[in-house]
Amino acid sequence: MANAFVHVELNTTDVAKAKTFYGALFDWKLDDVDMGGGHTYTMIDVGGGTGGGMMTHPMGGPSMWLSYAHVDEIKVATEKARGLGATIFREPMEVMGAGWLSILIDPTGAMLGLWQPKAKT
């Protein structure tokens, strides 16, 4: 399968302000999901094409959008990226039973997420 962009995530310093802004700017459906531990993830349904989500920035940095590319095998792709000179910012981890992600910083300093969805049964 091609490594298409499959998810775009806003890591923000102010989720409420971001929801107000993007809710008014676009016709997106925003749905809050309880992640446990007092954390909420807002799913973004754009109505067609690649959707995404938004959450409070986990690293406390400035607000930023992060794109995720589809991979067939998260561990293999993460190790390949490391071998090509990437710094692995977040090692592969499972996400709420939906799949696995990792986050890398490429040799030019750009951040990219990798996503392996859970196989459909």
PDB file of N, CA and C in Angstrom:
ATOM      1  N   MET A   1       0.836  -1.185   0.000  1.00  0.00           N
ATOM      2  CA  MET A   1       0.000   0.000   0.000  1.00  0.00           C
ATOM      3  C   MET A   1       0.879   1.246   0.000  1.00  0.00           C
ATOM      4  N   ALA A   2       0.406   2.277  -0.649  1.00  0.00           N
ATOM      5  CA  ALA A   2       1.125   3.552  -0.665  1.00  0.00           C
ATOM      6  C   ALA A   2       1.139   4.147   0.736  1.00  0.00           C
ATOM      7  N   ASN A   3       2.107   4.989   0.999  1.00  0.00           N
ATOM      8  CA  ASN A   3       2.223   5.625   2.311  1.00  0.00           C
ATOM      9  C   ASN A   3       1.520   6.978   2.303  1.00  0.00           C
ATOM     10  N   ALA A   4       0.203   6.925   2.148  1.00  0.00           N
ATOM     11  CA  ALA A   4      -0.620   8.132   2.086  1.00  0.00           C
ATOM     12  C   ALA A   4      -0.693   8.799   3.452  1.00  0.00           C
ATOM     13  N   PHE A   5      -0.921  10.105   3.451  1.00  0.00           N
ATOM     14  CA  PHE A   5      -1.213  10.787   4.698  1.00  0.00           C
ATOM     15  C   PHE A   5      -2.606  10.340   5.135  1.00  0.00           C
ATOM     16  N   VAL A   6      -2.721   9.883   6.387  1.00  0.00           N
ATOM     17  CA  VAL A   6      -3.979   9.315   6.851  1.00  0.00           C
ATOM     18  C   VAL A   6      -4.594  10.034   8.048  1.00  0.00           C
ATOM     19  N   HIS A   7      -3.856  10.936   8.662  1.00  0.00           N
ATOM     20  CA  HIS A   7      -4.362  11.625   9.854  1.00  0.00           C
ATOM     21  C   HIS A   7      -3.545  12.897  10.029  1.00  0.00           C
ATOM     22  N   VAL A   8      -4.215  13.971  10.405  1.00  0.00           N
ATOM     23  CA  VAL A   8      -3.538  15.232  10.669  1.00  0.00           C
ATOM     24  C   VAL A   8      -3.987  15.686  12.058  1.00  0.00           C
ATOM     25  N   GLU A   9      -3.017  16.003  12.913  1.00  0.00           N
ATOM     26  CA  GLU A   9      -3.316  16.279  14.310  1.00  0.00           C
ATOM     27  C   GLU A   9      -2.820  17.654  14.725  1.00  0.00           C
ATOM     28  N   LEU A  10      -3.692  18.382  15.395  1.00  0.00           N
ATOM     29  CA  LEU A  10      -3.309  19.674  15.949  1.00  0.00           C
ATOM     30  C   LEU A  10      -2.944  19.484  17.413  1.00  0.00           C
ATOM     31  N   ASN A  11      -1.692  19.723  17.734  1.00  0.00           N
ATOM     32  CA  ASN A  11      -1.233  19.764  19.122  1.00  0.00           C
ATOM     33  C   ASN A  11      -1.242  21.244  19.481  1.00  0.00           C
ATOM     34  N   THR A  12      -2.136  21.632  20.394  1.00  0.00           N
ATOM     35  CA  THR A  12      -2.372  23.046  20.639  1.00  0.00           C
ATOM     36  C   THR A  12      -2.237  23.424  22.110  1.00  0.00           C
ATOM     37  N   THR A  13      -1.973  24.686  22.330  1.00  0.00           N
ATOM     38  CA  THR A  13      -1.895  25.205  23.692  1.00  0.00           C
ATOM     39  C   THR A  13      -3.276  25.554  24.232  1.00  0.00           C
ATOM     40  N   ASP A  14      -4.294  25.616  23.347  1.00  0.00           N
ATOM     41  CA  ASP A  14      -5.639  25.998  23.774  1.00  0.00           C
ATOM     42  C   ASP A  14      -6.677  25.289  22.899  1.00  0.00           C
ATOM     43  N   VAL A  15      -7.124  24.113  23.346  1.00  0.00           N
ATOM     44  CA  VAL A  15      -8.072  23.317  22.563  1.00  0.00           C
ATOM     45  C   VAL A  15      -9.389  24.058  22.371  1.00  0.00           C
ATOM     46  N   ALA A  16      -9.904  24.685  23.406  1.00  0.00           N
ATOM     47  CA  ALA A  16     -11.191  25.390  23.300  1.00  0.00           C
ATOM     48  C   ALA A  16     -11.128  26.480  22.230  1.00  0.00           C
ATOM     49  N   LYS A  17     -10.061  27.262  22.234  1.00  0.00           N
ATOM     50  CA  LYS A  17      -9.910  28.329  21.238  1.00  0.00           C
ATOM     51  C   LYS A  17      -9.768  27.735  19.838  1.00  0.00           C
ATOM     52  N   ALA A  18      -9.010  26.643  19.708  1.00  0.00           N
ATOM     53  CA  ALA A  18      -8.833  25.994  18.406  1.00  0.00           C
ATOM     54  C   ALA A  18     -10.167  25.446  17.896  1.00  0.00           C
ATOM     55  N   LYS A  19     -10.949  24.822  18.781  1.00  0.00           N
ATOM     56  CA  LYS A  19     -12.246  24.288  18.373  1.00  0.00           C
ATOM     57  C   LYS A  19     -13.169  25.405  17.907  1.00  0.00           C
ATOM     58  N   THR A  20     -13.175  26.524  18.604  1.00  0.00           N
ATOM     59  CA  THR A  20     -14.000  27.669  18.205  1.00  0.00           C
ATOM     60  C   THR A  20     -13.571  28.184  16.835  1.00  0.00           C
ATOM     61  N   PHE A  21     -12.264  28.351  16.647  1.00  0.00           N
ATOM     62  CA  PHE A  21     -11.734  28.880  15.387  1.00  0.00           C
ATOM     63  C   PHE A  21     -12.034  27.946  14.213  1.00  0.00           C
ATOM     64  N   TYR A  22     -11.618  26.679  14.320  1.00  0.00           N
ATOM     65  CA  TYR A  22     -11.790  25.755  13.191  1.00  0.00           C
ATOM     66  C   TYR A  22     -13.251  25.369  12.977  1.00  0.00           C
ATOM     67  N   GLY A  23     -14.041  25.358  14.054  1.00  0.00           N
ATOM     68  CA  GLY A  23     -15.469  25.100  13.907  1.00  0.00           C
ATOM     69  C   GLY A  23     -16.168  26.189  13.118  1.00  0.00           C
ATOM     70  N   ALA A  24     -15.706  27.438  13.275  1.00  0.00           N
ATOM     71  CA  ALA A  24     -16.282  28.563  12.527  1.00  0.00           C
ATOM     72  C   ALA A  24     -15.700  28.671  11.116  1.00  0.00           C
ATOM     73  N   LEU A  25     -14.418  28.335  10.976  1.00  0.00           N
ATOM     74  CA  LEU A  25     -13.750  28.460   9.676  1.00  0.00           C
ATOM     75  C   LEU A  25     -14.203  27.399   8.686  1.00  0.00           C
ATOM     76  N   PHE A  26     -14.319  26.160   9.155  1.00  0.00           N
ATOM     77  CA  PHE A  26     -14.659  25.033   8.283  1.00  0.00           C
ATOM     78  C   PHE A  26     -15.920  24.334   8.791  1.00  0.00           C
ATOM     79  N   ASP A  27     -16.503  23.531   7.938  1.00  0.00           N
ATOM     80  CA  ASP A  27     -17.672  22.744   8.314  1.00  0.00           C
ATOM     81  C   ASP A  27     -17.224  21.373   8.823  1.00  0.00           C
ATOM     82  N   TRP A  28     -16.369  21.377   9.832  1.00  0.00           N
ATOM     83  CA  TRP A  28     -15.863  20.139  10.411  1.00  0.00           C
ATOM     84  C   TRP A  28     -16.746  19.700  11.556  1.00  0.00           C
ATOM     85  N   LYS A  29     -16.907  18.381  11.702  1.00  0.00           N
ATOM     86  CA  LYS A  29     -17.600  17.829  12.854  1.00  0.00           C
ATOM     87  C   LYS A  29     -16.527  17.497  13.892  1.00  0.00           C
ATOM     88  N   LEU A  30     -16.649  18.068  15.079  1.00  0.00           N
ATOM     89  CA  LEU A  30     -15.685  17.870  16.156  1.00  0.00           C
ATOM     90  C   LEU A  30     -16.332  17.026  17.241  1.00  0.00           C
ATOM     91  N   ASP A  31     -15.687  15.902  17.585  1.00  0.00           N
ATOM     92  CA  ASP A  31     -16.259  14.966  18.548  1.00  0.00           C
ATOM     93  C   ASP A  31     -15.221  14.640  19.621  1.00  0.00           C
ATOM     94  N   ASP A  32     -15.505  15.024  20.865  1.00  0.00           N
ATOM     95  CA  ASP A  32     -14.586  14.762  21.974  1.00  0.00           C
ATOM     96  C   ASP A  32     -14.647  13.303  22.402  1.00  0.00           C
ATOM     97  N   VAL A  33     -13.460  12.707  22.603  1.00  0.00           N
ATOM     98  CA  VAL A  33     -13.322  11.325  23.035  1.00  0.00           C
ATOM     99  C   VAL A  33     -12.521  11.320  24.334  1.00  0.00           C
ATOM    100  N   ASP A  34     -13.057  10.666  25.351  1.00  0.00           N
ATOM    101  CA  ASP A  34     -12.372  10.558  26.633  1.00  0.00           C
ATOM    102  C   ASP A  34     -11.210   9.579  26.495  1.00  0.00           C
ATOM    103  N   MET A  35      -9.997  10.042  26.773  1.00  0.00           N
ATOM    104  CA  MET A  35      -8.807   9.192  26.688  1.00  0.00           C
ATOM    105  C   MET A  35      -8.431   8.630  28.057  1.00  0.00           C
ATOM    106  N   GLY A  36      -9.181   8.956  29.085  1.00  0.00           N
ATOM    107  CA  GLY A  36      -8.869   8.512  30.431  1.00  0.00           C
ATOM    108  C   GLY A  36      -7.851   9.447  31.071  1.00  0.00           C
ATOM    109  N   GLY A  37      -7.741   9.369  32.370  1.00  0.00           N
ATOM    110  CA  GLY A  37      -6.775  10.186  33.087  1.00  0.00           C
ATOM    111  C   GLY A  37      -7.014  11.679  32.971  1.00  0.00           C
ATOM    112  N   GLY A  38      -8.261  12.070  32.686  1.00  0.00           N
ATOM    113  CA  GLY A  38      -8.574  13.488  32.560  1.00  0.00           C
ATOM    114  C   GLY A  38      -8.196  14.092  31.219  1.00  0.00           C
ATOM    115  N   HIS A  39      -7.834  13.260  30.235  1.00  0.00           N
ATOM    116  CA  HIS A  39      -7.427  13.748  28.918  1.00  0.00           C
ATOM    117  C   HIS A  39      -8.544  13.525  27.900  1.00  0.00           C
ATOM    118  N   THR A  40      -8.697  14.475  27.014  1.00  0.00           N
ATOM    119  CA  THR A  40      -9.691  14.404  25.945  1.00  0.00           C
ATOM    120  C   THR A  40      -8.998  14.589  24.601  1.00  0.00           C
ATOM    121  N   TYR A  41      -9.447  13.832  23.603  1.00  0.00           N
ATOM    122  CA  TYR A  41      -8.956  13.957  22.236  1.00  0.00           C
ATOM    123  C   TYR A  41     -10.160  14.334  21.390  1.00  0.00           C
ATOM    124  N   THR A  42     -10.039  15.381  20.606  1.00  0.00           N
ATOM    125  CA  THR A  42     -11.133  15.818  19.743  1.00  0.00           C
ATOM    126  C   THR A  42     -10.905  15.284  18.341  1.00  0.00           C
ATOM    127  N   MET A  43     -11.773  14.376  17.899  1.00  0.00           N
ATOM    128  CA  MET A  43     -11.698  13.844  16.538  1.00  0.00           C
ATOM    129  C   MET A  43     -12.248  14.891  15.571  1.00  0.00           C
ATOM    130  N   ILE A  44     -11.606  15.013  14.416  1.00  0.00           N
ATOM    131  CA  ILE A  44     -12.033  15.948  13.383  1.00  0.00           C
ATOM    132  C   ILE A  44     -12.516  15.138  12.183  1.00  0.00           C
ATOM    133  N   ASP A  45     -13.801  15.262  11.877  1.00  0.00           N
ATOM    134  CA  ASP A  45     -14.380  14.630  10.696  1.00  0.00           C
ATOM    135  C   ASP A  45     -14.571  15.736   9.669  1.00  0.00           C
ATOM    136  N   VAL A  46     -13.786  15.677   8.595  1.00  0.00           N
ATOM    137  CA  VAL A  46     -13.829  16.734   7.587  1.00  0.00           C
ATOM    138  C   VAL A  46     -14.889  16.477   6.523  1.00  0.00           C
ATOM    139  N   GLY A  47     -15.571  15.331   6.610  1.00  0.00           N
ATOM    140  CA  GLY A  47     -16.638  15.025   5.667  1.00  0.00           C
ATOM    141  C   GLY A  47     -16.170  14.294   4.427  1.00  0.00           C
ATOM    142  N   GLY A  48     -14.896  14.171   4.212  1.00  0.00           N
ATOM    143  CA  GLY A  48     -14.314  13.489   3.063  1.00  0.00           C
ATOM    144  C   GLY A  48     -12.827  13.755   3.054  1.00  0.00           C
ATOM    145  N   GLY A  49     -12.056  12.807   2.616  1.00  0.00           N
ATOM    146  CA  GLY A  49     -10.608  12.986   2.630  1.00  0.00           C
ATOM    147  C   GLY A  49     -10.026  12.656   3.995  1.00  0.00           C
ATOM    148  N   THR A  50      -8.845  13.147   4.259  1.00  0.00           N
ATOM    149  CA  THR A  50      -8.125  12.835   5.487  1.00  0.00           C
ATOM    150  C   THR A  50      -8.633  13.680   6.643  1.00  0.00           C
ATOM    151  N   GLY A  51      -9.059  13.009   7.693  1.00  0.00           N
ATOM    152  CA  GLY A  51      -9.505  13.693   8.900  1.00  0.00           C
ATOM    153  C   GLY A  51      -8.364  13.786   9.893  1.00  0.00           C
ATOM    154  N   GLY A  52      -8.715  14.059  11.126  1.00  0.00           N
ATOM    155  CA  GLY A  52      -7.661  14.195  12.108  1.00  0.00           C
ATOM    156  C   GLY A  52      -8.189  14.358  13.499  1.00  0.00           C
ATOM    157  N   GLY A  53      -7.428  15.095  14.288  1.00  0.00           N
ATOM    158  CA  GLY A  53      -7.806  15.317  15.670  1.00  0.00           C
ATOM    159  C   GLY A  53      -7.055  16.490  16.249  1.00  0.00           C
ATOM    160  N   MET A  54      -7.427  16.834  17.480  1.00  0.00           N
ATOM    161  CA  MET A  54      -6.705  17.889  18.186  1.00  0.00           C
ATOM    162  C   MET A  54      -6.681  17.564  19.669  1.00  0.00           C
ATOM    163  N   MET A  55      -5.612  18.013  20.307  1.00  0.00           N
ATOM    164  CA  MET A  55      -5.456  17.787  21.734  1.00  0.00           C
ATOM    165  C   MET A  55      -4.501  18.815  22.303  1.00  0.00           C
ATOM    166  N   THR A  56      -4.482  18.908  23.634  1.00  0.00           N
ATOM    167  CA  THR A  56      -3.513  19.772  24.288  1.00  0.00           C
ATOM    168  C   THR A  56      -2.120  19.258  23.960  1.00  0.00           C
ATOM    169  N   HIS A  57      -1.247  20.148  23.583  1.00  0.00           N
ATOM    170  CA  HIS A  57       0.102  19.780  23.167  1.00  0.00           C
ATOM    171  C   HIS A  57       0.779  18.958  24.271  1.00  0.00           C
ATOM    172  N   PRO A  58       1.134  17.695  23.988  1.00  0.00           N
ATOM    173  CA  PRO A  58       1.693  16.836  25.032  1.00  0.00           C
ATOM    174  C   PRO A  58       3.106  17.220  25.475  1.00  0.00           C
ATOM    175  N   MET A  59       3.801  18.004  24.666  1.00  0.00           N
ATOM    176  CA  MET A  59       5.178  18.363  24.997  1.00  0.00           C
ATOM    177  C   MET A  59       5.288  19.801  25.489  1.00  0.00           C
ATOM    178  N   GLY A  60       4.151  20.493  25.564  1.00  0.00           N
ATOM    179  CA  GLY A  60       4.149  21.846  26.078  1.00  0.00           C
ATOM    180  C   GLY A  60       4.742  22.888  25.153  1.00  0.00           C
ATOM    181  N   GLY A  61       4.969  22.549  23.902  1.00  0.00           N
ATOM    182  CA  GLY A  61       5.549  23.496  22.952  1.00  0.00           C
ATOM    183  C   GLY A  61       4.494  24.355  22.302  1.00  0.00           C
ATOM    184  N   PRO A  62       4.870  25.094  21.282  1.00  0.00           N
ATOM    185  CA  PRO A  62       3.906  25.926  20.566  1.00  0.00           C
ATOM    186  C   PRO A  62       2.928  25.050  19.772  1.00  0.00           C
ATOM    187  N   SER A  63       1.773  25.595  19.468  1.00  0.00           N
ATOM    188  CA  SER A  63       0.790  24.859  18.677  1.00  0.00           C
ATOM    189  C   SER A  63       1.371  24.504  17.316  1.00  0.00           C
ATOM    190  N   MET A  64       1.036  23.294  16.853  1.00  0.00           N
ATOM    191  CA  MET A  64       1.550  22.825  15.554  1.00  0.00           C
ATOM    192  C   MET A  64       0.679  21.707  15.019  1.00  0.00           C
ATOM    193  N   TRP A  65       0.647  21.605  13.698  1.00  0.00           N
ATOM    194  CA  TRP A  65      -0.024  20.491  13.034  1.00  0.00           C
ATOM    195  C   TRP A  65       1.000  19.400  12.782  1.00  0.00           C
ATOM    196  N   LEU A  66       0.603  18.134  12.975  1.00  0.00           N
ATOM    197  CA  LEU A  66       1.467  16.977  12.744  1.00  0.00           C
ATOM    198  C   LEU A  66       0.739  16.012  11.820  1.00  0.00           C
ATOM    199  N   SER A  67       1.373  15.652  10.707  1.00  0.00           N
ATOM    200  CA  SER A  67       0.786  14.712   9.748  1.00  0.00           C
ATOM    201  C   SER A  67       1.287  13.307  10.029  1.00  0.00           C
ATOM    202  N   TYR A  68       0.416  12.317   9.784  1.00  0.00           N
ATOM    203  CA  TYR A  68       0.762  10.909   9.953  1.00  0.00           C
ATOM    204  C   TYR A  68       0.661  10.205   8.609  1.00  0.00           C
ATOM    205  N   ALA A  69       1.669   9.404   8.277  1.00  0.00           N
ATOM    206  CA  ALA A  69       1.680   8.609   7.053  1.00  0.00           C
ATOM    207  C   ALA A  69       1.390   7.151   7.398  1.00  0.00           C
ATOM    208  N   HIS A  70       0.611   6.486   6.557  1.00  0.00           N
ATOM    209  CA  HIS A  70       0.262   5.076   6.751  1.00  0.00           C
ATOM    210  C   HIS A  70       1.485   4.188   6.500  1.00  0.00           C
ATOM    211  N   VAL A  71       1.679   3.213   7.375  1.00  0.00           N
ATOM    212  CA  VAL A  71       2.712   2.188   7.182  1.00  0.00           C
ATOM    213  C   VAL A  71       2.089   0.830   7.456  1.00  0.00           C
ATOM    214  N   ASP A  72       2.629  -0.204   6.827  1.00  0.00           N
ATOM    215  CA  ASP A  72       2.122  -1.556   7.031  1.00  0.00           C
ATOM    216  C   ASP A  72       2.629  -2.173   8.329  1.00  0.00           C
ATOM    217  N   GLU A  73       3.866  -1.845   8.721  1.00  0.00           N
ATOM    218  CA  GLU A  73       4.475  -2.418   9.921  1.00  0.00           C
ATOM    219  C   GLU A  73       5.200  -1.308  10.682  1.00  0.00           C
ATOM    220  N   ILE A  74       4.604  -0.850  11.772  1.00  0.00           N
ATOM    221  CA  ILE A  74       5.122   0.315  12.504  1.00  0.00           C
ATOM    222  C   ILE A  74       6.555   0.120  12.983  1.00  0.00           C
ATOM    223  N   LYS A  75       6.870  -1.050  13.535  1.00  0.00           N
ATOM    224  CA  LYS A  75       8.223  -1.272  14.056  1.00  0.00           C
ATOM    225  C   LYS A  75       9.250  -1.293  12.939  1.00  0.00           C
ATOM    226  N   VAL A  76       8.917  -1.922  11.827  1.00  0.00           N
ATOM    227  CA  VAL A  76       9.837  -1.998  10.683  1.00  0.00           C
ATOM    228  C   VAL A  76      10.075  -0.600  10.110  1.00  0.00           C
ATOM    229  N   ALA A  77       8.991   0.154   9.908  1.00  0.00           N
ATOM    230  CA  ALA A  77       9.115   1.497   9.327  1.00  0.00           C
ATOM    231  C   ALA A  77       9.890   2.433  10.256  1.00  0.00           C
ATOM    232  N   THR A  78       9.650   2.312  11.561  1.00  0.00           N
ATOM    233  CA  THR A  78      10.357   3.159  12.522  1.00  0.00           C
ATOM    234  C   THR A  78      11.845   2.859  12.508  1.00  0.00           C
ATOM    235  N   GLU A  79      12.200   1.590  12.478  1.00  0.00           N
ATOM    236  CA  GLU A  79      13.616   1.210  12.437  1.00  0.00           C
ATOM    237  C   GLU A  79      14.261   1.621  11.117  1.00  0.00           C
ATOM    238  N   LYS A  80      13.524   1.526  10.026  1.00  0.00           N
ATOM    239  CA  LYS A  80      14.054   1.969   8.730  1.00  0.00           C
ATOM    240  C   LYS A  80      14.356   3.465   8.769  1.00  0.00           C
ATOM    241  N   ALA A  81      13.423   4.241   9.341  1.00  0.00           N
ATOM    242  CA  ALA A  81      13.636   5.689   9.463  1.00  0.00           C
ATOM    243  C   ALA A  81      14.871   5.978  10.309  1.00  0.00           C
ATOM    244  N   ARG A  82      15.012   5.254  11.427  1.00  0.00           N
ATOM    245  CA  ARG A  82      16.181   5.437  12.289  1.00  0.00           C
ATOM    246  C   ARG A  82      17.461   5.146  11.499  1.00  0.00           C
ATOM    247  N   GLY A  83      17.459   4.083  10.717  1.00  0.00           N
ATOM    248  CA  GLY A  83      18.614   3.714   9.912  1.00  0.00           C
ATOM    249  C   GLY A  83      18.951   4.730   8.836  1.00  0.00           C
ATOM    250  N   LEU A  84      17.951   5.486   8.425  1.00  0.00           N
ATOM    251  CA  LEU A  84      18.161   6.525   7.406  1.00  0.00           C
ATOM    252  C   LEU A  84      18.511   7.880   8.017  1.00  0.00           C
ATOM    253  N   GLY A  85      18.691   7.911   9.339  1.00  0.00           N
ATOM    254  CA  GLY A  85      19.144   9.134   9.984  1.00  0.00           C
ATOM    255  C   GLY A  85      18.096   9.890  10.785  1.00  0.00           C
ATOM    256  N   ALA A  86      16.889   9.338  10.900  1.00  0.00           N
ATOM    257  CA  ALA A  86      15.855  10.011  11.690  1.00  0.00           C
ATOM    258  C   ALA A  86      16.121   9.831  13.178  1.00  0.00           C
ATOM    259  N   THR A  87      15.682  10.799  13.948  1.00  0.00           N
ATOM    260  CA  THR A  87      15.652  10.691  15.403  1.00  0.00           C
ATOM    261  C   THR A  87      14.243  10.252  15.770  1.00  0.00           C
ATOM    262  N   ILE A  88      14.127   9.212  16.556  1.00  0.00           N
ATOM    263  CA  ILE A  88      12.800   8.734  16.940  1.00  0.00           C
ATOM    264  C   ILE A  88      12.360   9.489  18.187  1.00  0.00           C
ATOM    265  N   PHE A  89      11.341  10.298  18.017  1.00  0.00           N
ATOM    266  CA  PHE A  89      10.828  11.137  19.090  1.00  0.00           C
ATOM    267  C   PHE A  89       9.894  10.337  19.997  1.00  0.00           C
ATOM    268  N   ARG A  90       9.052   9.473  19.393  1.00  0.00           N
ATOM    269  CA  ARG A  90       8.140   8.612  20.140  1.00  0.00           C
ATOM    270  C   ARG A  90       8.240   7.221  19.536  1.00  0.00           C
ATOM    271  N   GLU A  91       8.723   6.278  20.327  1.00  0.00           N
ATOM    272  CA  GLU A  91       8.815   4.890  19.883  1.00  0.00           C
ATOM    273  C   GLU A  91       7.406   4.352  19.620  1.00  0.00           C
ATOM    274  N   PRO A  92       7.282   3.279  18.835  1.00  0.00           N
ATOM    275  CA  PRO A  92       5.950   2.732  18.547  1.00  0.00           C
ATOM    276  C   PRO A  92       5.146   2.468  19.825  1.00  0.00           C
ATOM    277  N   MET A  93       3.891   2.892  19.788  1.00  0.00           N
ATOM    278  CA  MET A  93       2.985   2.683  20.919  1.00  0.00           C
ATOM    279  C   MET A  93       1.576   2.439  20.409  1.00  0.00           C
ATOM    280  N   GLU A  94       0.831   1.638  21.135  1.00  0.00           N
ATOM    281  CA  GLU A  94      -0.559   1.373  20.763  1.00  0.00           C
ATOM    282  C   GLU A  94      -1.430   2.550  21.198  1.00  0.00           C
ATOM    283  N   VAL A  95      -2.451   2.849  20.383  1.00  0.00           N
ATOM    284  CA  VAL A  95      -3.338   3.965  20.656  1.00  0.00           C
ATOM    285  C   VAL A  95      -4.778   3.468  20.757  1.00  0.00           C
ATOM    286  N   MET A  96      -5.260   3.371  21.971  1.00  0.00           N
ATOM    287  CA  MET A  96      -6.661   3.066  22.270  1.00  0.00           C
ATOM    288  C   MET A  96      -7.236   1.922  21.437  1.00  0.00           C
ATOM    289  N   GLY A  97      -6.452   0.888  21.166  1.00  0.00           N
ATOM    290  CA  GLY A  97      -6.929  -0.261  20.413  1.00  0.00           C
ATOM    291  C   GLY A  97      -7.192  -0.001  18.945  1.00  0.00           C
ATOM    292  N   ALA A  98      -6.875   1.199  18.452  1.00  0.00           N
ATOM    293  CA  ALA A  98      -7.152   1.555  17.057  1.00  0.00           C
ATOM    294  C   ALA A  98      -5.971   1.282  16.136  1.00  0.00           C
ATOM    295  N   GLY A  99      -4.776   1.213  16.708  1.00  0.00           N
ATOM    296  CA  GLY A  99      -3.579   1.012  15.895  1.00  0.00           C
ATOM    297  C   GLY A  99      -2.352   1.426  16.677  1.00  0.00           C
ATOM    298  N   TRP A 100      -1.264   1.677  15.949  1.00  0.00           N
ATOM    299  CA  TRP A 100       0.008   2.037  16.564  1.00  0.00           C
ATOM    300  C   TRP A 100       0.593   3.258  15.865  1.00  0.00           C
ATOM    301  N   LEU A 101       1.280   4.086  16.648  1.00  0.00           N
ATOM    302  CA  LEU A 101       1.940   5.250  16.065  1.00  0.00           C
ATOM    303  C   LEU A 101       3.371   5.327  16.554  1.00  0.00           C
ATOM    304  N   SER A 102       4.170   6.026  15.798  1.00  0.00           N
ATOM    305  CA  SER A 102       5.490   6.475  16.234  1.00  0.00           C
ATOM    306  C   SER A 102       5.663   7.861  15.635  1.00  0.00           C
ATOM    307  N   ILE A 103       6.579   8.629  16.210  1.00  0.00           N
ATOM    308  CA  ILE A 103       6.837   9.980  15.704  1.00  0.00           C
ATOM    309  C   ILE A 103       8.337  10.130  15.528  1.00  0.00           C
ATOM    310  N   LEU A 104       8.722  10.645  14.378  1.00  0.00           N
ATOM    311  CA  LEU A 104      10.143  10.809  14.086  1.00  0.00           C
ATOM    312  C   LEU A 104      10.446  12.241  13.697  1.00  0.00           C
ATOM    313  N   ILE A 105      11.722  12.564  13.799  1.00  0.00           N
ATOM    314  CA  ILE A 105      12.233  13.839  13.304  1.00  0.00           C
ATOM    315  C   ILE A 105      13.217  13.482  12.202  1.00  0.00           C
ATOM    316  N   ASP A 106      12.917  13.911  10.985  1.00  0.00           N
ATOM    317  CA  ASP A 106      13.762  13.532   9.850  1.00  0.00           C
ATOM    318  C   ASP A 106      15.105  14.264   9.917  1.00  0.00           C
ATOM    319  N   PRO A 107      16.052  13.877   9.057  1.00  0.00           N
ATOM    320  CA  PRO A 107      17.378  14.503   9.112  1.00  0.00           C
ATOM    321  C   PRO A 107      17.392  16.015   8.854  1.00  0.00           C
ATOM    322  N   THR A 108      16.282  16.569   8.337  1.00  0.00           N
ATOM    323  CA  THR A 108      16.227  18.016   8.122  1.00  0.00           C
ATOM    324  C   THR A 108      15.584  18.748   9.298  1.00  0.00           C
ATOM    325  N   GLY A 109      15.069  17.986  10.298  1.00  0.00           N
ATOM    326  CA  GLY A 109      14.438  18.589  11.466  1.00  0.00           C
ATOM    327  C   GLY A 109      12.924  18.600  11.441  1.00  0.00           C
ATOM    328  N   ALA A 110      12.313  18.068  10.376  1.00  0.00           N
ATOM    329  CA  ALA A 110      10.849  18.043  10.288  1.00  0.00           C
ATOM    330  C   ALA A 110      10.280  16.837  11.042  1.00  0.00           C
ATOM    331  N   MET A 111       9.164  17.046  11.714  1.00  0.00           N
ATOM    332  CA  MET A 111       8.512  15.987  12.474  1.00  0.00           C
ATOM    333  C   MET A 111       7.443  15.322  11.614  1.00  0.00           C
ATOM    334  N   LEU A 112       7.339  13.992  11.716  1.00  0.00           N
ATOM    335  CA  LEU A 112       6.351  13.209  10.968  1.00  0.00           C
ATOM    336  C   LEU A 112       5.897  12.054  11.834  1.00  0.00           C
ATOM    337  N   GLY A 113       4.603  11.780  11.806  1.00  0.00           N
ATOM    338  CA  GLY A 113       4.062  10.619  12.498  1.00  0.00           C
ATOM    339  C   GLY A 113       3.892   9.459  11.521  1.00  0.00           C
ATOM    340  N   LEU A 114       4.080   8.241  12.038  1.00  0.00           N
ATOM    341  CA  LEU A 114       3.791   7.031  11.273  1.00  0.00           C
ATOM    342  C   LEU A 114       2.604   6.363  11.939  1.00  0.00           C
ATOM    343  N   TRP A 115       1.705   5.756  11.149  1.00  0.00           N
ATOM    344  CA  TRP A 115       0.492   5.147  11.678  1.00  0.00           C
ATOM    345  C   TRP A 115       0.242   3.796  11.023  1.00  0.00           C
ATOM    346  N   GLN A 116       0.082   2.781  11.861  1.00  0.00           N
ATOM    347  CA  GLN A 116      -0.329   1.455  11.415  1.00  0.00           C
ATOM    348  C   GLN A 116      -1.694   1.171  12.042  1.00  0.00           C
ATOM    349  N   PRO A 117      -2.769   1.145  11.211  1.00  0.00           N
ATOM    350  CA  PRO A 117      -4.075   0.874  11.794  1.00  0.00           C
ATOM    351  C   PRO A 117      -4.197  -0.581  12.214  1.00  0.00           C
ATOM    352  N   LYS A 118      -5.065  -0.827  13.180  1.00  0.00           N
ATOM    353  CA  LYS A 118      -5.344  -2.188  13.616  1.00  0.00           C
ATOM    354  C   LYS A 118      -6.032  -2.921  12.469  1.00  0.00           C
ATOM    355  N   ALA A 119      -5.658  -4.168  12.252  1.00  0.00           N
ATOM    356  CA  ALA A 119      -6.268  -4.959  11.175  1.00  0.00           C
ATOM    357  C   ALA A 119      -7.758  -5.116  11.444  1.00  0.00           C
ATOM    358  N   LYS A 120      -8.553  -4.987  10.402  1.00  0.00           N
ATOM    359  CA  LYS A 120     -10.003  -5.168  10.535  1.00  0.00           C
ATOM    360  C   LYS A 120     -10.306  -6.639  10.644  1.00  0.00           C
ATOM    361  N   THR A 121     -11.199  -6.968  11.560  1.00  0.00           N
ATOM    362  CA  THR A 121     -11.558  -8.379  11.749  1.00  0.00           C
ATOM    363  C   THR A 121     -12.891  -8.683  11.166  1.00  0.00           C
TER     364      THR A 121
END
